Amino acid sequence: MGLRRRRLGSDGPEISEVGFGAWALGGGGWSFSWGGQDDAASVAAIRHAVELGVSWVDTAAAYGLGHSEEVVGRALAGMPAADRPLVFSKCGLSWDVERPMVPASRVLTPEAIRRGCEDSLSRLGVEVIDLLQFHWPDETGVPVEESWAAMLDLRRQGKVRWCGVSNFDVPLLKRCEAVGHVDALQPPFSLVNRRAAQELLPWCAAHGTGVIVYSPMQSGLLTDTFTAERVRSLPPDDWRTRSADFTAPYLERNLALRDALRPVAARHGVTVSAVAVAWTLSFPAVTGAIVGARSPAQVDGWIGAASLTLDSADLDEIASAVERTGAGAGPVHPLPEAGRV
């Protein structure tokens, strides 16, 4: 199955508009887990997504404190080399295995970056990481210029093909770009969290930096079957139990917005999840959207976004729904002529 593709930045690879997100595959028992997860189901979900045409998998060293990368590596090991997806990962978080529920520290020393890359290569079972990204900005005082120079060294050594950052703001992007080109940015972006459209997307478009957005379904809120009852049944180690978006009054606004997407989904014969993802892809600066799945069936729920184009009437209706429900923050429309960006 061929999915539509876009080029990642000015000189990156062509990738499918949707990518497989492996955050939840890290399993339970760590500070930002989604609860327990069956590894066999994880491997099946990855392989199913690839069979449907998804050309990349996004993971991170910190997901499950290394476990997500191991699961991705297991899925890759069973595929012919010609069929393997690109592998994107992230580095720069340091955790204590003795205290897994303590959030990881954000450390971007050159040594931590080099060590993190080597550890990820080993867990993934690959010789090169297609895209390696800083997971978060450093919080220990390391100048970002030193960190970014270390990242570019990894590319010169052939251990990384493209270099990117995640959760960086425009000032940090400018400082990295002054040292060497930033191939990709990974920001949160959804119909609820729309802030990236204010400054980040325009900056990336102007500088040839690709954008792969995460949480386009707002961590499950913008899916067809999510309910307030579901929130109450989340396991205690699920990070969403601590998120404001999953508590009143934000939860009610977010679910009202989700319900307002149902008529759009019905017109196109797709799921609400697909509409939510397609909305992020309607922004020209966005290259691809990372969409998580814990089973093959969940992949089927959002794969329709890869062939869905929202027209101006759809986008107007969605913008009106955002304004009416009061959900989230940020620009509500991708079209400048609508006067809303």
C-alpha atoms as a PDB file:
ATOM      1  CA  MET A   1       0.000   0.000   0.000  1.00  0.00           C
ATOM      2  CA  GLY A   2       1.532   3.285  -1.070  1.00  0.00           C
ATOM      3  CA  LEU A   3       1.008   6.235   1.231  1.00  0.00           C
ATOM      4  CA  ARG A   4       1.542   9.860   0.314  1.00  0.00           C
ATOM      5  CA  ARG A   5       5.021  11.109   1.117  1.00  0.00           C
ATOM      6  CA  ARG A   6       6.688  14.422   1.844  1.00  0.00           C
ATOM      7  CA  ARG A   7      10.351  15.387   2.007  1.00  0.00           C
ATOM      8  CA  LEU A   8      11.726  15.976   5.487  1.00  0.00           C
ATOM      9  CA  GLY A   9      13.169  19.467   5.249  1.00  0.00           C
ATOM     10  CA  SER A  10      15.424  20.699   2.478  1.00  0.00           C
ATOM     11  CA  ASP A  11      17.588  17.606   2.112  1.00  0.00           C
ATOM     12  CA  GLY A  12      16.086  14.831   4.207  1.00  0.00           C
ATOM     13  CA  PRO A  13      14.387  11.606   3.110  1.00  0.00           C
ATOM     14  CA  GLU A  14      10.917  11.307   1.654  1.00  0.00           C
ATOM     15  CA  ILE A  15       8.726   9.854   4.396  1.00  0.00           C
ATOM     16  CA  SER A  16       5.113   8.764   4.661  1.00  0.00           C
ATOM     17  CA  GLU A  17       2.838  11.472   6.042  1.00  0.00           C
ATOM     18  CA  VAL A  18       2.141   9.315   9.092  1.00  0.00           C
ATOM     19  CA  GLY A  19       4.755   7.529  11.169  1.00  0.00           C
ATOM     20  CA  PHE A  20       4.487   4.892  13.878  1.00  0.00           C
ATOM     21  CA  GLY A  21       4.993   6.257  17.405  1.00  0.00           C
ATOM     22  CA  ALA A  22       6.523   3.812  19.893  1.00  0.00           C
ATOM     23  CA  TRP A  23       6.183   5.769  23.154  1.00  0.00           C
ATOM     24  CA  ALA A  24       3.566   3.443  24.675  1.00  0.00           C
ATOM     25  CA  LEU A  25       5.590   0.393  23.663  1.00  0.00           C
ATOM     26  CA  GLY A  26       7.957   1.146  26.524  1.00  0.00           C
ATOM     27  CA  GLY A  27       5.425  -0.510  28.843  1.00  0.00           C
ATOM     28  CA  GLY A  28       4.650   0.336  32.447  1.00  0.00           C
ATOM     29  CA  GLY A  29       6.621   1.091  35.558  1.00  0.00           C
ATOM     30  CA  TRP A  30       8.373   4.345  34.622  1.00  0.00           C
ATOM     31  CA  SER A  31       7.529   8.017  35.074  1.00  0.00           C
ATOM     32  CA  PHE A  32       5.916   8.701  31.687  1.00  0.00           C
ATOM     33  CA  SER A  33       4.495   5.295  30.895  1.00  0.00           C
ATOM     34  CA  TRP A  34       1.107   4.535  29.365  1.00  0.00           C
ATOM     35  CA  GLY A  35       0.671   1.489  31.577  1.00  0.00           C
ATOM     36  CA  GLY A  36       1.517  -2.124  30.836  1.00  0.00           C
ATOM     37  CA  GLN A  37       1.963  -3.286  27.252  1.00  0.00           C
ATOM     38  CA  ASP A  38       2.329  -6.677  25.597  1.00  0.00           C
ATOM     39  CA  ASP A  39       5.545  -6.839  23.553  1.00  0.00           C
ATOM     40  CA  ALA A  40       4.119  -9.297  21.026  1.00  0.00           C
ATOM     41  CA  ALA A  41       1.252  -6.892  20.325  1.00  0.00           C
ATOM     42  CA  SER A  42       3.782  -4.083  19.941  1.00  0.00           C
ATOM     43  CA  VAL A  43       5.798  -5.979  17.360  1.00  0.00           C
ATOM     44  CA  ALA A  44       2.617  -6.924  15.498  1.00  0.00           C
ATOM     45  CA  ALA A  45       1.473  -3.302  15.457  1.00  0.00           C
ATOM     46  CA  ILE A  46       4.762  -2.063  13.994  1.00  0.00           C
ATOM     47  CA  ARG A  47       4.803  -4.726  11.308  1.00  0.00           C
ATOM     48  CA  HIS A  48       1.167  -4.072  10.418  1.00  0.00           C
ATOM     49  CA  ALA A  49       1.824  -0.340  10.047  1.00  0.00           C
ATOM     50  CA  VAL A  50       4.787  -1.029   7.773  1.00  0.00           C
ATOM     51  CA  GLU A  51       2.719  -3.426   5.681  1.00  0.00           C
ATOM     52  CA  LEU A  52       0.206  -0.596   5.186  1.00  0.00           C
ATOM     53  CA  GLY A  53       2.941   1.712   3.883  1.00  0.00           C
ATOM     54  CA  VAL A  54       4.185   3.546   6.986  1.00  0.00           C
ATOM     55  CA  SER A  55       7.844   4.236   6.227  1.00  0.00           C
ATOM     56  CA  TRP A  56       9.218   5.323   9.613  1.00  0.00           C
ATOM     57  CA  VAL A  57       9.095   4.489  13.305  1.00  0.00           C
ATOM     58  CA  ASP A  58       9.718   7.075  16.025  1.00  0.00           C
ATOM     59  CA  THR A  59      11.040   5.933  19.387  1.00  0.00           C
ATOM     60  CA  ALA A  60      13.369   7.267  22.103  1.00  0.00           C
ATOM     61  CA  ALA A  61      15.952   5.941  24.515  1.00  0.00           C
ATOM     62  CA  ALA A  62      13.839   7.075  27.467  1.00  0.00           C
ATOM     63  CA  TYR A  63      10.636   5.280  26.457  1.00  0.00           C
ATOM     64  CA  GLY A  64      10.449   2.444  28.948  1.00  0.00           C
ATOM     65  CA  LEU A  65      14.039   3.296  29.926  1.00  0.00           C
ATOM     66  CA  GLY A  66      15.342   1.585  26.821  1.00  0.00           C
ATOM     67  CA  HIS A  67      12.575  -0.987  26.379  1.00  0.00           C
ATOM     68  CA  SER A  68      10.788   0.709  23.484  1.00  0.00           C
ATOM     69  CA  GLU A  69      13.982   0.728  21.419  1.00  0.00           C
ATOM     70  CA  GLU A  70      14.475  -2.962  22.190  1.00  0.00           C
ATOM     71  CA  VAL A  71      10.940  -3.742  21.001  1.00  0.00           C
ATOM     72  CA  VAL A  72      11.470  -1.718  17.821  1.00  0.00           C
ATOM     73  CA  GLY A  73      14.706  -3.617  17.269  1.00  0.00           C
ATOM     74  CA  ARG A  74      12.847  -6.900  17.644  1.00  0.00           C
ATOM     75  CA  ALA A  75      10.309  -5.831  15.014  1.00  0.00           C
ATOM     76  CA  LEU A  76      13.052  -4.735  12.617  1.00  0.00           C
ATOM     77  CA  ALA A  77      14.974  -7.984  13.040  1.00  0.00           C
ATOM     78  CA  GLY A  78      12.107  -9.942  11.535  1.00  0.00           C
ATOM     79  CA  MET A  79      11.864  -7.842   8.383  1.00  0.00           C
ATOM     80  CA  PRO A  80      13.767  -8.143   5.096  1.00  0.00           C
ATOM     81  CA  ALA A  81      16.250  -5.277   4.838  1.00  0.00           C
ATOM     82  CA  ALA A  82      14.458  -3.843   1.796  1.00  0.00           C
ATOM     83  CA  ASP A  83      11.185  -3.598   3.736  1.00  0.00           C
ATOM     84  CA  ARG A  84      12.512  -2.009   6.905  1.00  0.00           C
ATOM     85  CA  PRO A  85      11.197   1.419   7.873  1.00  0.00           C
ATOM     86  CA  LEU A  86      13.442   4.328   8.731  1.00  0.00           C
ATOM     87  CA  VAL A  87      14.209   4.538  12.445  1.00  0.00           C
ATOM     88  CA  PHE A  88      14.005   7.842  14.299  1.00  0.00           C
ATOM     89  CA  SER A  89      15.079   8.050  17.931  1.00  0.00           C
ATOM     90  CA  LYS A  90      15.909  10.606  20.611  1.00  0.00           C
ATOM     91  CA  CYS A  91      18.662  11.077  23.170  1.00  0.00           C
ATOM     92  CA  GLY A  92      19.581  13.397  26.020  1.00  0.00           C
ATOM     93  CA  LEU A  93      17.600  12.034  28.963  1.00  0.00           C
ATOM     94  CA  SER A  94      19.389  10.394  31.886  1.00  0.00           C
ATOM     95  CA  TRP A  95      17.496   8.129  34.288  1.00  0.00           C
ATOM     96  CA  ASP A  96      18.141   6.109  37.444  1.00  0.00           C
ATOM     97  CA  VAL A  97      17.212   2.442  36.938  1.00  0.00           C
ATOM     98  CA  GLU A  98      16.827   2.092  40.709  1.00  0.00           C
ATOM     99  CA  ARG A  99      14.177   4.836  40.753  1.00  0.00           C
ATOM    100  CA  PRO A 100      12.240   4.442  37.500  1.00  0.00           C
ATOM    101  CA  MET A 101       9.321   6.616  38.628  1.00  0.00           C
ATOM    102  CA  VAL A 102      11.602   9.633  39.039  1.00  0.00           C
ATOM    103  CA  PRO A 103      11.516  11.724  35.825  1.00  0.00           C
ATOM    104  CA  ALA A 104      14.719  11.578  33.808  1.00  0.00           C
ATOM    105  CA  SER A 105      17.165  14.478  33.846  1.00  0.00           C
ATOM    106  CA  ARG A 106      17.746  16.484  30.671  1.00  0.00           C
ATOM    107  CA  VAL A 107      21.480  16.234  29.978  1.00  0.00           C
ATOM    108  CA  LEU A 108      23.062  17.228  26.662  1.00  0.00           C
ATOM    109  CA  THR A 109      26.772  17.001  27.401  1.00  0.00           C
ATOM    110  CA  PRO A 110      28.788  15.792  24.401  1.00  0.00           C
ATOM    111  CA  GLU A 111      29.693  12.611  26.302  1.00  0.00           C
ATOM    112  CA  ALA A 112      26.048  11.885  27.163  1.00  0.00           C
ATOM    113  CA  ILE A 113      25.075  12.375  23.521  1.00  0.00           C
ATOM    114  CA  ARG A 114      27.785  10.021  22.266  1.00  0.00           C
ATOM    115  CA  ARG A 115      26.993   7.388  24.890  1.00  0.00           C
ATOM    116  CA  GLY A 116      23.281   7.686  24.239  1.00  0.00           C
ATOM    117  CA  CYS A 117      23.775   7.156  20.530  1.00  0.00           C
ATOM    118  CA  GLU A 118      25.883   4.031  21.082  1.00  0.00           C
ATOM    119  CA  ASP A 119      23.342   2.598  23.521  1.00  0.00           C
ATOM    120  CA  SER A 120      20.478   3.249  21.085  1.00  0.00           C
ATOM    121  CA  LEU A 121      22.359   1.614  18.211  1.00  0.00           C
ATOM    122  CA  SER A 122      22.832  -1.477  20.362  1.00  0.00           C
ATOM    123  CA  ARG A 123      19.203  -1.691  21.528  1.00  0.00           C
ATOM    124  CA  LEU A 124      17.835  -1.091  18.037  1.00  0.00           C
ATOM    125  CA  GLY A 125      20.241  -3.569  16.459  1.00  0.00           C
ATOM    126  CA  VAL A 126      21.169  -1.188  13.629  1.00  0.00           C
ATOM    127  CA  GLU A 127      24.431   0.289  12.381  1.00  0.00           C
ATOM    128  CA  VAL A 128      23.055   3.790  11.811  1.00  0.00           C
ATOM    129  CA  ILE A 129      20.111   5.766  13.191  1.00  0.00           C
ATOM    130  CA  ASP A 130      18.263   7.489  10.371  1.00  0.00           C
ATOM    131  CA  LEU A 131      17.242  10.524  12.449  1.00  0.00           C
ATOM    132  CA  LEU A 132      18.563  11.212  15.947  1.00  0.00           C
ATOM    133  CA  GLN A 133      17.011  14.069  17.915  1.00  0.00           C
ATOM    134  CA  PHE A 134      17.637  15.794  21.219  1.00  0.00           C
ATOM    135  CA  HIS A 135      14.626  14.830  23.303  1.00  0.00           C
ATOM    136  CA  TRP A 136      14.468  18.033  25.392  1.00  0.00           C
ATOM    137  CA  PRO A 137      16.678  21.096  25.905  1.00  0.00           C
ATOM    138  CA  ASP A 138      19.508  20.646  28.409  1.00  0.00           C
ATOM    139  CA  GLU A 139      18.843  21.674  32.014  1.00  0.00           C
ATOM    140  CA  THR A 140      22.424  21.385  33.326  1.00  0.00           C
ATOM    141  CA  GLY A 141      23.936  24.513  31.791  1.00  0.00           C
ATOM    142  CA  VAL A 142      25.636  23.009  28.726  1.00  0.00           C
ATOM    143  CA  PRO A 143      25.647  25.565  25.866  1.00  0.00           C
ATOM    144  CA  VAL A 144      23.455  24.249  23.083  1.00  0.00           C
ATOM    145  CA  GLU A 145      26.227  25.027  20.588  1.00  0.00           C
ATOM    146  CA  GLU A 146      28.446  22.371  22.225  1.00  0.00           C
ATOM    147  CA  SER A 147      25.612  19.868  22.243  1.00  0.00           C
ATOM    148  CA  TRP A 148      24.726  20.450  18.614  1.00  0.00           C
ATOM    149  CA  ALA A 149      28.362  20.189  17.521  1.00  0.00           C
ATOM    150  CA  ALA A 150      28.489  16.764  19.179  1.00  0.00           C
ATOM    151  CA  MET A 151      25.363  15.719  17.300  1.00  0.00           C
ATOM    152  CA  LEU A 152      26.862  16.819  13.983  1.00  0.00           C
ATOM    153  CA  ASP A 153      29.996  14.829  14.809  1.00  0.00           C
ATOM    154  CA  LEU A 154      27.864  11.691  15.031  1.00  0.00           C
ATOM    155  CA  ARG A 155      26.681  12.337  11.496  1.00  0.00           C
ATOM    156  CA  ARG A 156      30.229  12.830  10.256  1.00  0.00           C
ATOM    157  CA  GLN A 157      31.141   9.497  11.870  1.00  0.00           C
ATOM    158  CA  GLY A 158      28.324   7.756   9.974  1.00  0.00           C
ATOM    159  CA  LYS A 159      26.339   6.809  13.065  1.00  0.00           C
ATOM    160  CA  VAL A 160      23.454   9.161  12.253  1.00  0.00           C
ATOM    161  CA  ARG A 161      22.042  10.146   8.851  1.00  0.00           C
ATOM    162  CA  TRP A 162      20.027  13.227   9.843  1.00  0.00           C
ATOM    163  CA  CYS A 163      20.047  15.371  12.982  1.00  0.00           C
ATOM    164  CA  GLY A 164      17.108  16.984  14.737  1.00  0.00           C
ATOM    165  CA  VAL A 165      15.684  18.339  17.964  1.00  0.00           C
ATOM    166  CA  SER A 166      12.459  17.916  19.894  1.00  0.00           C
ATOM    167  CA  ASN A 167      10.647  20.394  22.159  1.00  0.00           C
ATOM    168  CA  PHE A 168      13.002  23.265  21.209  1.00  0.00           C
ATOM    169  CA  ASP A 169      11.826  26.865  20.871  1.00  0.00           C
ATOM    170  CA  VAL A 170      12.813  29.293  18.116  1.00  0.00           C
ATOM    171  CA  PRO A 171      15.737  30.906  20.014  1.00  0.00           C
ATOM    172  CA  LEU A 172      17.337  27.474  20.553  1.00  0.00           C
ATOM    173  CA  LEU A 173      16.699  26.518  16.930  1.00  0.00           C
ATOM    174  CA  LYS A 174      18.496  29.666  15.786  1.00  0.00           C
ATOM    175  CA  ARG A 175      21.526  28.862  17.939  1.00  0.00           C
ATOM    176  CA  CYS A 176      21.716  25.319  16.550  1.00  0.00           C
ATOM    177  CA  GLU A 177      21.271  26.499  12.978  1.00  0.00           C
ATOM    178  CA  ALA A 178      24.221  28.864  13.396  1.00  0.00           C
ATOM    179  CA  VAL A 179      26.415  25.808  14.080  1.00  0.00           C
ATOM    180  CA  GLY A 180      24.940  23.509  11.452  1.00  0.00           C
ATOM    181  CA  HIS A 181      21.641  22.820   9.723  1.00  0.00           C
ATOM    182  CA  VAL A 182      18.780  21.431  11.799  1.00  0.00           C
ATOM    183  CA  ASP A 183      17.212  18.734   9.641  1.00  0.00           C
ATOM    184  CA  ALA A 184      14.067  18.255  11.708  1.00  0.00           C
ATOM    185  CA  LEU A 185      12.031  19.543  14.627  1.00  0.00           C
ATOM    186  CA  GLN A 186       9.619  17.403  16.635  1.00  0.00           C
ATOM    187  CA  PRO A 187       7.088  19.552  18.536  1.00  0.00           C
ATOM    188  CA  PRO A 188       3.769  18.632  20.132  1.00  0.00           C
ATOM    189  CA  PHE A 189       0.928  19.668  17.821  1.00  0.00           C
ATOM    190  CA  SER A 190      -2.763  18.853  17.760  1.00  0.00           C
ATOM    191  CA  LEU A 191      -6.185  20.464  17.621  1.00  0.00           C
ATOM    192  CA  VAL A 192      -5.842  20.957  21.380  1.00  0.00           C
ATOM    193  CA  ASN A 193      -2.182  22.018  21.529  1.00  0.00           C
ATOM    194  CA  ARG A 194      -1.875  24.355  18.540  1.00  0.00           C
ATOM    195  CA  ARG A 195       0.931  26.614  19.790  1.00  0.00           C
ATOM    196  CA  ALA A 196       3.550  25.309  17.364  1.00  0.00           C
ATOM    197  CA  ALA A 197       1.699  27.053  14.531  1.00  0.00           C
ATOM    198  CA  GLN A 198       2.504  30.476  15.990  1.00  0.00           C
ATOM    199  CA  GLU A 199       6.291  30.646  15.558  1.00  0.00           C
ATOM    200  CA  LEU A 200       7.804  27.184  15.188  1.00  0.00           C
ATOM    201  CA  LEU A 201       6.153  26.114  11.937  1.00  0.00           C
ATOM    202  CA  PRO A 202       6.898  29.413  10.144  1.00  0.00           C
ATOM    203  CA  TRP A 203      10.536  29.312  11.279  1.00  0.00           C
ATOM    204  CA  CYS A 204      10.985  25.734  10.065  1.00  0.00           C
ATOM    205  CA  ALA A 205       9.367  26.520   6.711  1.00  0.00           C
ATOM    206  CA  ALA A 206      11.707  29.482   6.233  1.00  0.00           C
ATOM    207  CA  HIS A 207      14.855  27.493   7.117  1.00  0.00           C
ATOM    208  CA  GLY A 208      14.281  24.168   5.360  1.00  0.00           C
ATOM    209  CA  THR A 209      13.740  22.272   8.597  1.00  0.00           C
ATOM    210  CA  GLY A 210      11.323  19.359   8.428  1.00  0.00           C
ATOM    211  CA  VAL A 211       8.622  19.018  11.073  1.00  0.00           C
ATOM    212  CA  ILE A 212       7.323  15.747  12.485  1.00  0.00           C
ATOM    213  CA  VAL A 213       4.647  16.457  15.075  1.00  0.00           C
ATOM    214  CA  TYR A 214       3.866  14.302  18.074  1.00  0.00           C
ATOM    215  CA  SER A 215       0.603  13.661  19.938  1.00  0.00           C
ATOM    216  CA  PRO A 216      -1.659  14.743  17.027  1.00  0.00           C
ATOM    217  CA  MET A 217      -4.536  12.900  18.735  1.00  0.00           C
ATOM    218  CA  GLN A 218      -3.661  14.613  22.041  1.00  0.00           C
ATOM    219  CA  SER A 219      -2.583  11.376  23.694  1.00  0.00           C
ATOM    220  CA  GLY A 220      -5.859   9.598  22.925  1.00  0.00           C
ATOM    221  CA  LEU A 221      -8.336  12.380  23.702  1.00  0.00           C
ATOM    222  CA  LEU A 222      -9.140  12.948  20.024  1.00  0.00           C
ATOM    223  CA  THR A 223     -10.048   9.329  19.316  1.00  0.00           C
ATOM    224  CA  ASP A 224     -13.495   7.945  18.642  1.00  0.00           C
ATOM    225  CA  THR A 225     -14.068   5.992  21.840  1.00  0.00           C
ATOM    226  CA  PHE A 226     -12.239   7.931  24.556  1.00  0.00           C
ATOM    227  CA  THR A 227     -14.466   8.848  27.511  1.00  0.00           C
ATOM    228  CA  ALA A 228     -14.316  10.403  30.962  1.00  0.00           C
ATOM    229  CA  GLU A 229     -14.861   6.896  32.306  1.00  0.00           C
ATOM    230  CA  ARG A 230     -11.712   5.811  30.493  1.00  0.00           C
ATOM    231  CA  VAL A 231      -9.737   8.469  32.371  1.00  0.00           C
ATOM    232  CA  ARG A 232     -10.970   7.086  35.679  1.00  0.00           C
ATOM    233  CA  SER A 233      -9.844   3.582  34.693  1.00  0.00           C
ATOM    234  CA  LEU A 234      -6.283   4.537  33.686  1.00  0.00           C
ATOM    235  CA  PRO A 235      -3.619   2.647  35.649  1.00  0.00           C
ATOM    236  CA  PRO A 236      -1.840   4.691  38.311  1.00  0.00           C
ATOM    237  CA  ASP A 237       1.468   4.678  36.399  1.00  0.00           C
ATOM    238  CA  ASP A 238      -0.163   6.176  33.282  1.00  0.00           C
ATOM    239  CA  TRP A 239       1.252   9.701  32.958  1.00  0.00           C
ATOM    240  CA  ARG A 240      -2.088  11.011  31.682  1.00  0.00           C
ATOM    241  CA  THR A 241      -3.525  10.797  35.203  1.00  0.00           C
ATOM    242  CA  ARG A 242      -1.288  13.790  36.010  1.00  0.00           C
ATOM    243  CA  SER A 243      -2.099  15.821  32.886  1.00  0.00           C
ATOM    244  CA  ALA A 244      -4.383  18.866  33.046  1.00  0.00           C
ATOM    245  CA  ASP A 245      -5.888  17.956  29.672  1.00  0.00           C
ATOM    246  CA  PHE A 246      -7.408  14.857  31.284  1.00  0.00           C
ATOM    247  CA  THR A 247      -9.024  16.708  34.207  1.00  0.00           C
ATOM    248  CA  ALA A 248     -11.934  19.131  34.500  1.00  0.00           C
ATOM    249  CA  PRO A 249     -12.686  21.585  32.976  1.00  0.00           C
ATOM    250  CA  TYR A 250     -10.237  20.831  30.146  1.00  0.00           C
ATOM    251  CA  LEU A 251     -11.333  17.227  29.679  1.00  0.00           C
ATOM    252  CA  GLU A 252     -14.928  18.242  28.967  1.00  0.00           C
ATOM    253  CA  ARG A 253     -13.842  20.874  26.438  1.00  0.00           C
ATOM    254  CA  ASN A 254     -11.506  18.456  24.703  1.00  0.00           C
ATOM    255  CA  LEU A 255     -14.137  15.738  24.420  1.00  0.00           C
ATOM    256  CA  ALA A 256     -16.652  18.281  23.127  1.00  0.00           C
ATOM    257  CA  LEU A 257     -14.186  19.176  20.387  1.00  0.00           C
ATOM    258  CA  ARG A 258     -13.687  15.487  19.633  1.00  0.00           C
ATOM    259  CA  ASP A 259     -17.449  15.056  19.274  1.00  0.00           C
ATOM    260  CA  ALA A 260     -17.603  18.075  16.945  1.00  0.00           C
ATOM    261  CA  LEU A 261     -15.264  16.239  14.561  1.00  0.00           C
ATOM    262  CA  ARG A 262     -17.703  13.357  14.089  1.00  0.00           C
ATOM    263  CA  PRO A 263     -19.683  14.986  11.222  1.00  0.00           C
ATOM    264  CA  VAL A 264     -16.444  15.669   9.322  1.00  0.00           C
ATOM    265  CA  ALA A 265     -15.330  12.079   9.844  1.00  0.00           C
ATOM    266  CA  ALA A 266     -18.704  10.739   8.701  1.00  0.00           C
ATOM    267  CA  ARG A 267     -18.610  12.783   5.476  1.00  0.00           C
ATOM    268  CA  HIS A 268     -15.227  11.318   4.572  1.00  0.00           C
ATOM    269  CA  GLY A 269     -15.930   7.801   5.815  1.00  0.00           C
ATOM    270  CA  VAL A 270     -13.011   7.833   8.267  1.00  0.00           C
ATOM    271  CA  THR A 271     -12.495   7.881  12.017  1.00  0.00           C
ATOM    272  CA  VAL A 272     -12.323  10.962  14.203  1.00  0.00           C
ATOM    273  CA  SER A 273      -8.705   9.981  14.859  1.00  0.00           C
ATOM    274  CA  ALA A 274      -7.951  10.263  11.146  1.00  0.00           C
ATOM    275  CA  VAL A 275      -9.518  13.724  10.985  1.00  0.00           C
ATOM    276  CA  ALA A 276      -7.479  14.915  13.980  1.00  0.00           C
ATOM    277  CA  VAL A 277      -4.247  13.698  12.389  1.00  0.00           C
ATOM    278  CA  ALA A 278      -5.144  15.047   8.939  1.00  0.00           C
ATOM    279  CA  TRP A 279      -5.748  18.482  10.473  1.00  0.00           C
ATOM    280  CA  THR A 280      -2.111  18.673  11.586  1.00  0.00           C
ATOM    281  CA  LEU A 281      -1.006  17.597   8.103  1.00  0.00           C
ATOM    282  CA  SER A 282      -3.024  20.417   6.537  1.00  0.00           C
ATOM    283  CA  PHE A 283      -0.310  22.832   7.704  1.00  0.00           C
ATOM    284  CA  PRO A 284       2.198  23.048   4.810  1.00  0.00           C
ATOM    285  CA  ALA A 285       5.225  23.180   7.135  1.00  0.00           C
ATOM    286  CA  VAL A 286       4.344  19.808   8.703  1.00  0.00           C
ATOM    287  CA  THR A 287       6.137  16.902   7.043  1.00  0.00           C
ATOM    288  CA  GLY A 288       4.610  14.052   8.998  1.00  0.00           C
ATOM    289  CA  ALA A 289       2.662  13.124  12.101  1.00  0.00           C
ATOM    290  CA  ILE A 290       3.720  10.571  14.698  1.00  0.00           C
ATOM    291  CA  VAL A 291       0.764   8.390  15.630  1.00  0.00           C
ATOM    292  CA  GLY A 292       0.969   5.820  18.390  1.00  0.00           C
ATOM    293  CA  ALA A 293      -0.578   2.362  18.406  1.00  0.00           C
ATOM    294  CA  ARG A 294      -0.517  -0.538  20.836  1.00  0.00           C
ATOM    295  CA  SER A 295      -2.121  -3.060  18.484  1.00  0.00           C
ATOM    296  CA  PRO A 296      -2.737  -3.598  14.753  1.00  0.00           C
ATOM    297  CA  ALA A 297      -6.364  -2.572  15.268  1.00  0.00           C
ATOM    298  CA  GLN A 298      -5.281   0.834  16.572  1.00  0.00           C
ATOM    299  CA  VAL A 299      -3.178   1.329  13.439  1.00  0.00           C
ATOM    300  CA  ASP A 300      -6.296   0.697  11.370  1.00  0.00           C
ATOM    301  CA  GLY A 301      -8.028   3.457  13.321  1.00  0.00           C
ATOM    302  CA  TRP A 302      -5.719   6.226  12.102  1.00  0.00           C
ATOM    303  CA  ILE A 303      -4.207   4.985   8.854  1.00  0.00           C
ATOM    304  CA  GLY A 304      -7.028   6.746   6.978  1.00  0.00           C
ATOM    305  CA  ALA A 305      -5.348  10.064   7.760  1.00  0.00           C
ATOM    306  CA  ALA A 306      -2.676   9.147   5.221  1.00  0.00           C
ATOM    307  CA  SER A 307      -5.173   9.466   2.367  1.00  0.00           C
ATOM    308  CA  LEU A 308      -7.462  12.165   3.756  1.00  0.00           C
ATOM    309  CA  THR A 309      -7.350  15.753   2.501  1.00  0.00           C
ATOM    310  CA  LEU A 310      -9.453  18.233   4.444  1.00  0.00           C
ATOM    311  CA  ASP A 311     -10.939  20.911   2.177  1.00  0.00           C
ATOM    312  CA  SER A 312     -11.546  24.537   3.094  1.00  0.00           C
ATOM    313  CA  ALA A 313     -15.102  23.815   4.236  1.00  0.00           C
ATOM    314  CA  ASP A 314     -13.850  21.077   6.566  1.00  0.00           C
ATOM    315  CA  LEU A 315     -11.172  23.353   7.970  1.00  0.00           C
ATOM    316  CA  ASP A 316     -13.671  26.168   8.513  1.00  0.00           C
ATOM    317  CA  GLU A 317     -16.021  23.808  10.332  1.00  0.00           C
ATOM    318  CA  ILE A 318     -13.205  22.520  12.523  1.00  0.00           C
ATOM    319  CA  ALA A 319     -12.011  26.057  13.315  1.00  0.00           C
ATOM    320  CA  SER A 320     -15.531  27.012  14.364  1.00  0.00           C
ATOM    321  CA  ALA A 321     -15.723  23.931  16.593  1.00  0.00           C
ATOM    322  CA  VAL A 322     -12.460  24.853  18.294  1.00  0.00           C
ATOM    323  CA  GLU A 323     -13.684  28.366  18.991  1.00  0.00           C
ATOM    324  CA  ARG A 324     -17.099  27.150  20.147  1.00  0.00           C
ATOM    325  CA  THR A 325     -15.776  24.546  22.583  1.00  0.00           C
ATOM    326  CA  GLY A 326     -12.918  26.654  23.907  1.00  0.00           C
ATOM    327  CA  ALA A 327     -10.580  23.682  23.735  1.00  0.00           C
ATOM    328  CA  GLY A 328      -6.833  24.223  23.792  1.00  0.00           C
ATOM    329  CA  ALA A 329      -4.805  27.189  22.634  1.00  0.00           C
ATOM    330  CA  GLY A 330      -3.147  28.454  19.454  1.00  0.00           C
ATOM    331  CA  PRO A 331      -4.102  29.253  15.840  1.00  0.00           C
ATOM    332  CA  VAL A 332      -7.237  27.466  14.690  1.00  0.00           C
ATOM    333  CA  HIS A 333      -6.806  27.420  10.908  1.00  0.00           C
ATOM    334  CA  PRO A 334      -3.909  26.482   8.596  1.00  0.00           C
ATOM    335  CA  LEU A 335      -4.924  28.778   5.756  1.00  0.00           C
ATOM    336  CA  PRO A 336      -3.544  32.328   6.003  1.00  0.00           C
ATOM    337  CA  GLU A 337      -6.359  33.649   3.818  1.00  0.00           C
ATOM    338  CA  ALA A 338      -8.780  32.605   6.543  1.00  0.00           C
ATOM    339  CA  GLY A 339      -7.262  35.297   8.732  1.00  0.00           C
ATOM    340  CA  ARG A 340      -6.759  32.923  11.618  1.00  0.00           C
ATOM    341  CA  VAL A 341      -3.027  32.216  11.603  1.00  0.00           C
END
